[in-house]
Protein backbone atom coordinates (compact mmCIF):
# COMPACT_ATOMS: atom_id res chain seq x y z
CA MET A 1 0.00 0.00 0.00
CA PRO A 2 1.34 3.49 -0.83
CA GLU A 3 2.23 5.61 2.16
CA ARG A 4 -0.45 8.23 2.85
CA CYS A 5 0.14 11.66 4.36
CA ALA A 6 -2.91 13.93 4.52
CA MET A 7 -2.44 17.48 3.22
CA PRO A 8 -5.00 20.26 2.72
CA MET A 9 -6.58 20.10 -0.77
CA THR A 10 -9.62 21.98 -2.09
CA VAL A 11 -11.74 20.90 -5.07
CA PRO A 12 -15.38 21.80 -5.86
CA HIS A 13 -18.03 19.45 -4.48
CA ASP A 14 -21.49 18.89 -6.02
CA ASP A 15 -21.00 21.47 -8.75
CA LEU A 16 -22.64 21.31 -12.16
CA ILE A 17 -20.34 20.03 -14.91
CA SER A 18 -20.67 23.48 -16.51
CA ARG A 19 -18.89 25.08 -13.54
CA ARG A 20 -15.15 25.51 -13.87
CA PHE A 21 -13.11 22.87 -12.07
CA PHE A 22 -10.26 23.89 -9.77
CA LEU A 23 -7.77 22.23 -7.45
CA ARG A 24 -5.73 24.04 -4.81
CA ALA A 25 -3.41 22.46 -2.26
CA TRP A 26 -0.90 23.78 0.23
CA ALA A 27 1.53 22.58 2.89
CA LEU A 28 3.10 20.36 0.22
CA PRO A 29 6.81 19.62 -0.18
CA PRO A 30 8.26 22.77 -1.83
CA LYS A 31 9.60 22.71 -5.40
CA THR A 32 8.61 19.07 -5.75
CA GLU A 33 7.02 17.18 -8.63
CA VAL A 34 3.56 15.94 -7.64
CA THR A 35 1.01 13.93 -9.59
CA VAL A 36 -2.68 14.71 -9.86
CA GLY A 37 -4.54 11.53 -10.71
CA THR A 38 -8.26 11.41 -11.54
CA ALA A 39 -10.69 8.56 -12.13
CA ALA A 40 -14.40 8.32 -12.90
CA PRO A 41 -16.74 5.50 -13.97
CA ASP A 42 -19.01 6.05 -16.96
CA ARG A 43 -22.66 4.98 -17.14
CA HIS A 44 -21.64 1.43 -18.03
CA GLY A 45 -19.13 1.05 -15.19
CA ALA A 46 -15.96 1.43 -17.25
CA CYS A 47 -13.28 3.38 -15.37
CA TRP A 48 -11.79 6.43 -17.09
CA GLN A 49 -8.45 7.71 -15.76
CA ALA A 50 -5.94 10.54 -16.22
CA GLU A 51 -2.68 11.73 -14.69
CA ALA A 52 -0.63 14.90 -14.92
CA THR A 53 2.45 16.10 -13.04
CA TYR A 54 3.12 19.57 -11.65
CA ARG A 55 5.87 21.28 -9.65
CA THR A 56 4.87 22.87 -6.35
CA THR A 57 5.89 26.44 -5.53
CA ALA A 58 8.66 27.44 -3.15
CA ALA A 59 5.92 27.86 -0.54
CA GLY A 60 4.67 24.31 -1.14
CA ALA A 61 1.46 25.31 -2.94
CA LEU A 62 -0.32 23.94 -5.99
CA ASP A 63 -3.03 25.77 -7.95
CA LEU A 64 -4.09 24.26 -11.28
CA SER A 65 -5.49 27.66 -12.34
CA ALA A 66 -1.99 29.14 -12.23
CA GLN A 67 0.56 26.33 -12.57
CA PRO A 68 1.26 24.41 -15.79
CA ALA A 69 1.13 20.66 -16.21
CA LEU A 70 4.59 19.28 -16.96
CA THR A 71 3.61 15.80 -18.19
CA GLY A 72 0.36 14.08 -19.03
CA ARG A 73 -2.08 14.31 -21.94
CA PHE A 74 -1.89 18.09 -21.89
CA ARG A 75 0.65 20.80 -21.16
CA GLY A 76 0.35 24.29 -19.77
CA VAL A 77 -2.21 25.86 -17.45
CA ASP A 78 -5.52 24.06 -17.81
CA PRO A 79 -7.48 23.54 -14.58
CA ALA A 80 -10.09 21.39 -16.36
CA GLY A 81 -7.42 19.11 -17.84
CA PRO A 82 -7.76 16.38 -15.18
CA ILE A 83 -11.39 15.93 -16.29
CA TRP A 84 -11.45 16.34 -20.06
CA SER A 85 -8.29 14.20 -20.46
CA LEU A 86 -9.85 11.15 -18.78
CA ARG A 87 -9.67 8.03 -20.96
CA PRO A 88 -10.72 4.39 -20.61
CA ARG A 89 -8.30 1.51 -20.88
CA PRO A 90 -6.82 1.20 -24.41
CA ASP A 91 -8.77 -1.95 -25.34
CA HIS A 92 -12.13 -0.38 -24.41
CA THR A 93 -13.85 0.29 -27.72
CA PRO A 94 -16.03 1.86 -28.87
CA ALA A 95 -15.34 4.61 -26.33
CA PHE A 96 -17.50 7.65 -25.69
CA PHE A 97 -18.08 8.94 -22.17
CA GLU A 98 -21.72 8.62 -21.12
CA ALA A 99 -22.21 10.21 -17.72
CA PRO A 100 -24.17 8.28 -15.06
CA GLU A 101 -27.66 9.64 -14.43
CA ALA A 102 -26.75 10.90 -10.94
CA GLY A 103 -23.65 12.70 -12.22
CA VAL A 104 -19.94 12.01 -12.48
CA THR A 105 -18.26 10.53 -9.41
CA LEU A 106 -14.72 11.87 -9.64
CA THR A 107 -11.87 10.60 -7.46
CA VAL A 108 -8.93 12.99 -7.18
CA ARG A 109 -5.60 11.80 -5.81
CA LEU A 110 -2.57 13.98 -5.10
CA SER A 111 0.69 12.09 -4.70
CA ALA A 112 4.45 12.51 -4.64
CA GLY A 113 6.18 9.35 -5.79
CA GLU A 114 4.65 6.47 -3.84
CA ARG A 115 3.34 8.79 -1.15
CA VAL A 116 -0.38 9.68 -1.36
CA LEU A 117 -0.67 13.22 -0.04
CA GLU A 118 -4.45 13.54 -0.31
CA GLU A 119 -7.39 11.79 -1.92
CA THR A 120 -11.03 12.82 -2.17
CA THR A 121 -14.14 11.90 -4.14
CA VAL A 122 -16.54 14.52 -5.42
CA ARG A 123 -19.60 14.63 -7.65
CA ARG A 124 -19.88 16.65 -10.83
CA LEU A 125 -23.60 17.05 -11.49
CA THR A 126 -25.03 16.68 -14.98
CA HIS A 127 -28.18 18.42 -13.76
CA SER A 128 -29.59 19.97 -10.61
CA PRO A 129 -31.08 17.35 -8.25
CA ASP A 130 -34.28 19.38 -7.82
CA LEU A 131 -34.93 19.63 -11.53
CA HIS A 132 -38.42 18.66 -12.67
CA GLU A 133 -39.05 16.74 -15.92
CA THR A 134 -42.56 16.48 -17.39
CA PRO A 135 -43.33 14.37 -20.50
CA VAL A 136 -44.98 16.36 -23.28
CA ARG A 137 -47.37 14.33 -25.43
CA GLU A 138 -49.94 16.87 -26.57
CA ASP A 139 -50.82 18.98 -29.62
CA GLY A 140 -48.84 16.51 -31.73
CA LEU A 141 -45.63 17.31 -29.86
CA TYR A 142 -43.25 14.74 -28.40
CA GLY A 143 -40.69 15.82 -25.85
CA SER A 144 -39.93 16.64 -22.24
CA LEU A 145 -40.32 19.90 -20.37
CA PHE A 146 -37.44 20.58 -17.97
CA SER A 147 -38.27 23.08 -15.23
CA PRO A 148 -35.85 24.57 -12.68
CA ALA A 149 -36.53 24.20 -8.98
CA PRO A 150 -39.73 25.88 -7.74
CA GLY A 151 -39.17 29.51 -6.88
CA THR A 152 -36.33 29.93 -9.38
CA ASP A 153 -36.37 33.24 -11.27
CA LEU A 154 -36.40 32.09 -14.89
CA ARG A 155 -33.64 33.48 -17.09
CA GLY A 156 -35.55 32.50 -20.22
CA ALA A 157 -37.18 29.64 -22.12
CA CYS A 158 -36.05 27.69 -25.16
CA LEU A 159 -36.50 24.72 -27.45
CA CYS A 160 -33.64 22.21 -27.43
CA LEU A 161 -33.05 20.14 -30.59
CA GLY A 162 -30.86 17.09 -31.10
CA GLY A 163 -29.17 16.13 -34.37
CA SER A 164 -29.31 13.45 -37.03
CA GLU A 165 -29.25 10.67 -34.41
CA GLY A 166 -32.95 11.32 -33.86
CA GLY A 167 -34.83 10.39 -30.71
CA LEU A 168 -34.91 12.37 -27.51
CA TYR A 169 -31.49 13.29 -26.09
CA SER A 170 -31.82 15.00 -22.69
CA PRO A 171 -28.40 15.97 -21.19
CA VAL A 172 -28.16 19.42 -22.82
CA ALA A 173 -31.77 20.31 -21.97
CA ALA A 174 -31.38 19.14 -18.36
CA LEU A 175 -28.21 21.18 -17.89
CA LEU A 176 -29.79 24.28 -19.43
CA ALA A 177 -32.75 23.96 -17.05
CA SER A 178 -30.28 23.64 -14.18
CA GLU A 179 -28.92 27.02 -15.27
CA GLY A 180 -32.35 28.62 -14.82
CA PHE A 181 -34.13 28.09 -18.16
CA LEU A 182 -37.47 26.49 -18.92
CA VAL A 183 -36.57 24.01 -21.66
CA LEU A 184 -38.74 22.03 -24.05
CA ASN A 185 -36.52 19.16 -25.18
CA LEU A 186 -38.16 18.38 -28.49
CA ALA A 187 -37.91 15.18 -30.50
CA TYR A 188 -38.73 15.59 -34.18
CA PHE A 189 -38.08 12.17 -35.73
CA GLY A 190 -36.79 8.71 -34.94
CA VAL A 191 -38.79 7.83 -31.80
CA PRO A 192 -40.51 4.43 -32.13
CA ASP A 193 -44.28 4.37 -31.48
CA SER A 194 -44.37 8.15 -31.02
CA GLY A 195 -46.26 9.17 -34.10
CA LEU A 196 -43.23 11.14 -35.28
CA PRO A 197 -41.66 10.46 -38.69
CA GLU A 198 -39.10 7.69 -38.72
CA ASN A 199 -36.75 9.55 -41.03
CA LEU A 200 -35.34 13.05 -41.34
CA ILE A 201 -37.11 13.69 -44.62
CA ASN A 202 -39.45 16.59 -45.44
CA LEU A 203 -40.09 17.31 -41.77
CA PRO A 204 -42.52 20.24 -41.52
CA LEU A 205 -41.08 23.38 -39.97
CA GLU A 206 -44.60 24.07 -38.69
CA TYR A 207 -43.98 21.36 -36.07
CA PHE A 208 -41.24 23.51 -34.51
CA GLY A 209 -43.40 26.61 -34.80
CA GLN A 210 -46.16 24.79 -32.94
CA ALA A 211 -43.68 23.82 -30.23
CA ALA A 212 -42.55 27.42 -29.83
CA ALA A 213 -46.15 28.60 -29.58
CA TRP A 214 -46.88 25.89 -26.99
CA LEU A 215 -43.91 27.01 -24.89
CA ARG A 216 -44.88 30.68 -25.14
CA ALA A 217 -48.36 29.79 -23.86
CA ARG A 218 -46.94 28.37 -20.63
CA PRO A 219 -47.87 30.58 -17.65
CA GLU A 220 -44.19 30.89 -16.68
CA VAL A 221 -43.40 32.33 -20.11
CA ALA A 222 -46.48 34.54 -20.37
CA GLY A 223 -46.26 35.08 -24.10
CA ARG A 224 -42.64 36.21 -24.18
CA ARG A 225 -40.50 35.04 -27.07
CA VAL A 226 -38.32 31.98 -26.58
CA GLY A 227 -34.95 30.79 -27.89
CA VAL A 228 -33.94 27.69 -29.79
CA THR A 229 -30.68 25.79 -29.46
CA GLY A 230 -29.53 22.85 -31.53
CA ALA A 231 -26.47 20.88 -32.58
CA SER A 232 -25.41 19.59 -35.99
CA LYS A 233 -28.55 18.85 -38.00
CA GLY A 234 -30.47 20.35 -35.06
CA ALA A 235 -28.43 23.55 -35.56
CA GLU A 236 -29.50 23.63 -39.20
CA ALA A 237 -33.08 23.30 -37.94
CA ALA A 238 -32.57 25.97 -35.27
CA LEU A 239 -31.46 28.55 -37.83
CA LEU A 240 -34.37 27.66 -40.11
CA VAL A 241 -36.90 27.80 -37.28
CA GLY A 242 -35.59 31.15 -36.03
CA ALA A 243 -35.75 32.58 -39.54
CA THR A 244 -39.23 31.18 -40.22
CA PHE A 245 -40.92 32.11 -36.93
CA PRO A 246 -39.35 35.40 -35.78
CA GLN A 247 -42.56 36.31 -33.96
CA ASP A 248 -41.95 33.37 -31.59
CA ILE A 249 -38.16 32.93 -31.60
CA GLY A 250 -35.97 35.63 -30.09
CA ALA A 251 -32.51 34.02 -30.20
CA VAL A 252 -30.68 31.08 -31.79
CA ALA A 253 -27.69 29.11 -30.49
CA ALA A 254 -26.33 26.81 -33.21
CA PHE A 255 -23.55 24.30 -32.44
CA ALA A 256 -21.63 22.79 -35.39
CA PRO A 257 -24.18 24.48 -37.65
CA SER A 258 -24.86 24.84 -41.33
CA GLY A 259 -26.13 27.91 -43.11
CA LEU A 260 -27.07 25.64 -46.01
CA VAL A 261 -29.78 22.97 -46.07
CA PHE A 262 -28.53 19.51 -47.04
CA GLU A 263 -30.36 16.41 -48.21
CA GLY A 264 -32.55 14.47 -45.79
CA ILE A 265 -31.58 11.29 -43.97
CA ASP A 266 -33.27 7.91 -44.18
CA ARG A 267 -32.54 6.16 -40.87
CA ALA A 268 -33.68 2.78 -42.21
CA GLY A 269 -30.98 2.92 -44.87
CA THR A 270 -28.65 5.19 -42.91
CA PHE A 271 -28.75 7.64 -45.83
CA PRO A 272 -31.21 7.83 -48.75
CA PRO A 273 -30.91 4.74 -50.98
CA GLY A 274 -33.39 6.16 -53.47
CA PRO A 275 -34.15 9.56 -54.96
CA PRO A 276 -32.81 12.46 -52.86
CA MET A 277 -35.29 14.41 -50.76
CA SER A 278 -35.12 17.46 -48.54
CA SER A 279 -34.72 17.37 -44.78
CA TRP A 280 -37.43 19.98 -44.23
CA SER A 281 -40.67 21.27 -45.68
CA PHE A 282 -42.73 24.41 -45.21
CA ARG A 283 -46.35 24.96 -46.19
CA GLY A 284 -46.37 21.54 -47.81
CA GLN A 285 -43.36 22.18 -50.05
CA PRO A 286 -39.87 20.69 -49.65
CA TRP A 287 -37.27 23.25 -48.60
CA PRO A 288 -34.57 23.63 -51.30
CA TYR A 289 -31.47 21.61 -50.44
CA LEU A 290 -28.08 20.39 -51.65
CA PRO A 291 -28.11 16.73 -52.71
CA TYR A 292 -25.27 14.38 -51.85
CA HIS A 293 -23.19 12.77 -54.59
CA THR A 294 -21.94 9.73 -52.70
CA ASP A 295 -22.11 5.96 -53.02
CA TRP A 296 -23.32 5.32 -49.46
CA ALA A 297 -22.95 1.54 -49.62
CA ALA A 298 -19.27 1.89 -50.47
CA PHE A 299 -18.81 4.72 -47.97
CA PHE A 300 -20.10 2.81 -44.96
CA ALA A 301 -18.46 -0.45 -46.03
CA ALA A 302 -15.11 1.31 -45.54
CA GLY A 303 -15.76 1.79 -41.81
CA PRO A 304 -15.64 4.99 -39.73
CA GLN A 305 -14.28 7.88 -41.76
CA PRO A 306 -14.77 11.64 -42.07
CA MET A 307 -17.99 12.83 -43.66
CA THR A 308 -16.77 16.36 -44.30
CA PRO A 309 -15.62 15.48 -47.86
CA VAL A 310 -19.18 14.30 -48.59
CA HIS A 311 -20.57 17.72 -47.68
CA HIS A 312 -17.77 19.56 -49.47
CA ARG A 313 -18.62 17.58 -52.59
CA ALA A 314 -22.32 18.38 -52.29
CA ALA A 315 -21.57 22.11 -52.08
CA ARG A 316 -18.91 22.01 -54.79
CA GLN A 317 -21.14 20.24 -57.32
CA ALA A 318 -24.17 22.44 -56.66
CA SER A 319 -25.01 25.24 -59.06
CA ALA A 320 -25.06 28.87 -57.95
CA ALA A 321 -28.86 28.75 -58.14
CA GLN A 322 -28.97 25.65 -55.92
CA ILE A 323 -26.67 27.27 -53.37
CA ALA A 324 -28.79 30.43 -53.30
CA ALA A 325 -32.02 28.48 -52.85
CA ALA A 326 -30.59 26.21 -50.12
CA THR A 327 -29.11 29.11 -48.11
CA ILE A 328 -30.96 29.70 -44.84
CA PRO A 329 -32.22 33.31 -44.55
CA ALA A 330 -30.50 33.74 -41.18
CA GLU A 331 -30.92 37.51 -41.36
CA ARG A 332 -34.61 36.98 -40.53
CA VAL A 333 -33.82 35.77 -37.00
CA ALA A 334 -35.13 38.62 -34.86
CA GLY A 335 -32.53 38.54 -32.10
CA PRO A 336 -28.99 37.43 -31.30
CA VAL A 337 -27.49 34.43 -33.08
CA LEU A 338 -24.62 32.37 -31.66
CA LEU A 339 -22.67 30.13 -34.04
CA VAL A 340 -20.14 27.60 -32.65
CA SER A 341 -17.83 25.63 -34.92
CA GLY A 342 -14.58 23.71 -35.08
CA GLY A 343 -12.04 23.92 -37.87
CA GLU A 344 -11.40 20.16 -37.69
CA ASP A 345 -15.06 19.10 -37.77
CA GLN A 346 -15.13 15.74 -39.56
CA VAL A 347 -18.92 15.53 -40.02
CA TRP A 348 -19.29 18.64 -42.15
CA HIS A 349 -17.25 21.81 -42.68
CA ALA A 350 -19.09 23.65 -39.91
CA ALA A 351 -16.70 26.62 -39.69
CA GLU A 352 -17.32 27.49 -43.35
CA LEU A 353 -21.02 26.67 -43.16
CA ALA A 354 -21.41 28.90 -40.10
CA GLU A 355 -19.87 31.75 -42.06
CA VAL A 356 -22.65 31.42 -44.62
CA ALA A 357 -25.16 32.37 -41.92
CA GLN A 358 -22.85 35.00 -40.45
CA ARG A 359 -22.37 36.75 -43.81
CA ARG A 360 -26.14 36.87 -44.37
CA ARG A 361 -26.65 38.55 -41.02
CA GLU A 362 -23.76 40.97 -41.43
CA ALA A 363 -25.10 42.07 -44.82
CA ALA A 364 -28.45 42.82 -43.18
CA GLY A 365 -26.91 44.63 -40.20
CA ARG A 366 -28.03 41.91 -37.77
CA PRO A 367 -25.87 40.86 -34.80
CA SER A 368 -24.25 37.45 -34.67
CA ARG A 369 -21.36 35.91 -32.81
CA HIS A 370 -19.22 33.13 -34.24
CA LEU A 371 -17.07 31.20 -31.76
CA THR A 372 -14.64 28.89 -33.50
CA HIS A 373 -11.40 27.05 -32.79
CA PRO A 374 -9.15 25.82 -35.61
CA HIS A 375 -8.51 22.49 -33.86
CA ALA A 376 -12.00 21.74 -32.47
CA GLY A 377 -14.37 19.19 -33.97
CA HIS A 378 -18.08 18.42 -34.08
CA HIS A 379 -19.02 17.59 -30.46
CA LEU A 380 -19.29 21.02 -28.86
CA SER A 381 -22.63 21.40 -27.08
CA LEU A 382 -21.96 19.87 -23.64
CA PRO A 383 -19.09 21.03 -21.39
CA GLY A 384 -17.25 19.48 -18.45
CA LEU A 385 -16.92 15.84 -19.56
CA PRO A 386 -14.11 13.72 -21.05
CA THR A 387 -13.69 14.59 -24.73
CA TYR A 388 -12.03 11.36 -25.89
CA ILE A 389 -13.94 9.48 -28.60
CA HIS A 390 -12.70 6.32 -30.29
CA GLY A 391 -14.06 3.66 -32.59
CA LEU A 392 -17.63 4.88 -33.11
CA TRP A 393 -17.30 7.46 -35.87
CA THR A 394 -15.08 10.42 -36.63
CA PRO A 395 -16.33 13.71 -35.13
CA GLY A 396 -12.87 15.27 -35.31
CA GLY A 397 -10.99 17.81 -33.24
CA GLU A 398 -8.28 17.68 -30.60
CA GLU A 399 -9.46 16.78 -27.09
CA GLN A 400 -8.12 19.94 -25.45
CA ALA A 401 -9.49 22.24 -28.17
CA ASN A 402 -12.91 20.62 -27.91
CA ALA A 403 -12.92 21.03 -24.13
CA HIS A 404 -11.95 24.69 -24.25
CA LEU A 405 -14.50 25.59 -26.93
CA GLN A 406 -17.25 23.65 -25.12
CA PHE A 407 -16.86 25.78 -21.99
CA GLN A 408 -16.56 29.04 -23.89
CA ALA A 409 -19.58 28.22 -26.03
CA TRP A 410 -21.71 27.08 -23.09
CA GLU A 411 -21.24 30.39 -21.30
CA ALA A 412 -21.95 32.29 -24.54
CA GLN A 413 -25.10 30.22 -25.05
CA LEU A 414 -26.42 31.18 -21.62
CA GLU A 415 -25.86 34.85 -22.45
CA THR A 416 -27.54 34.50 -25.85
CA LEU A 417 -30.67 32.76 -24.55
CA ALA A 418 -30.98 35.05 -21.54
CA ALA A 419 -30.76 38.15 -23.72
CA ILE A 420 -34.35 37.68 -24.92
CA TRP A 421 -35.82 38.46 -21.50
CA ALA A 422 -33.06 40.74 -20.21
């Protein structure tokens, strides 16, 4: 057993994952290399681990907000590094960190050689424990309403949209509600026995407009406009919905977005095996879109690989008239627009596609904010978790860049959505 010698160490307990992590310790051996080790189980019980070494000050202090990591999976000053750099054992594949429902149980150990100086276990909450979730199965809508604790002064209300995976994905909505927002987490396709379409093909934008009207009619909202946030294909939808229903939508937060509409997705065949069709429709007509020019059977037979070339090809082979028709009129969004993208996105070229929306708004004198990192990828909407992904598909980006942009974008999203009621 390693020798243990208790020393004072401070880390945050029972904080939301969106809160910045810190570690401070003192009364340590001065000018000595120490190791910060972290471990956390995922939802399936697999243990994720990380280590980094630091040098204590002449006074025997350690502060991850001020002192750089010397070795480990990251270098430099990065207080969140011991969390985002967590990885499972090398033979654990596919690997993508799914947080346990009750939150992340994080063990933090501070050691010098074989001597354990301090060890503690804390929880990082994926949502507030007094959050209230209510199923929504009315007016043709399918989703969940996340409400903050009773007595909370609401900062705003919003729709939350997932991407091309379909179904009902709750972590982002639950965390937003924990930050003081009333959130309608809205499914729009791919939920068995729900009455929703099975595929992302010609989905009526009126469905999202109906959801916004339903949320505005809530007594807590009292008719005030609401926001919409979405990621990937849900970001494409968010921009379209904001532009189509400006009387209801007062802000848009779009993560890994596209200012162009691309072809729809057939979940049964992964991608359309037959004639191309649009993702969206409005007033009974398909929204103009860019068709793919890809042999999908050959593409998926080759295993996980970047999809960005597929989207580049679709844009490159489209005519100027097709591009113009498929461009989302983002200037019609009546309020702030946040765009978040990574320069190494391997699903589609989100940084360039975000600029399509940004240019439209700039030309119309409308405000927008584009947060981007040249080395970030596609997964950007949820902060404070391990960013390692292996063996499932290729979202792209460096782990540290993804982690940094996730935090920056989360805080910007809160500002954007709160601005409607400010």
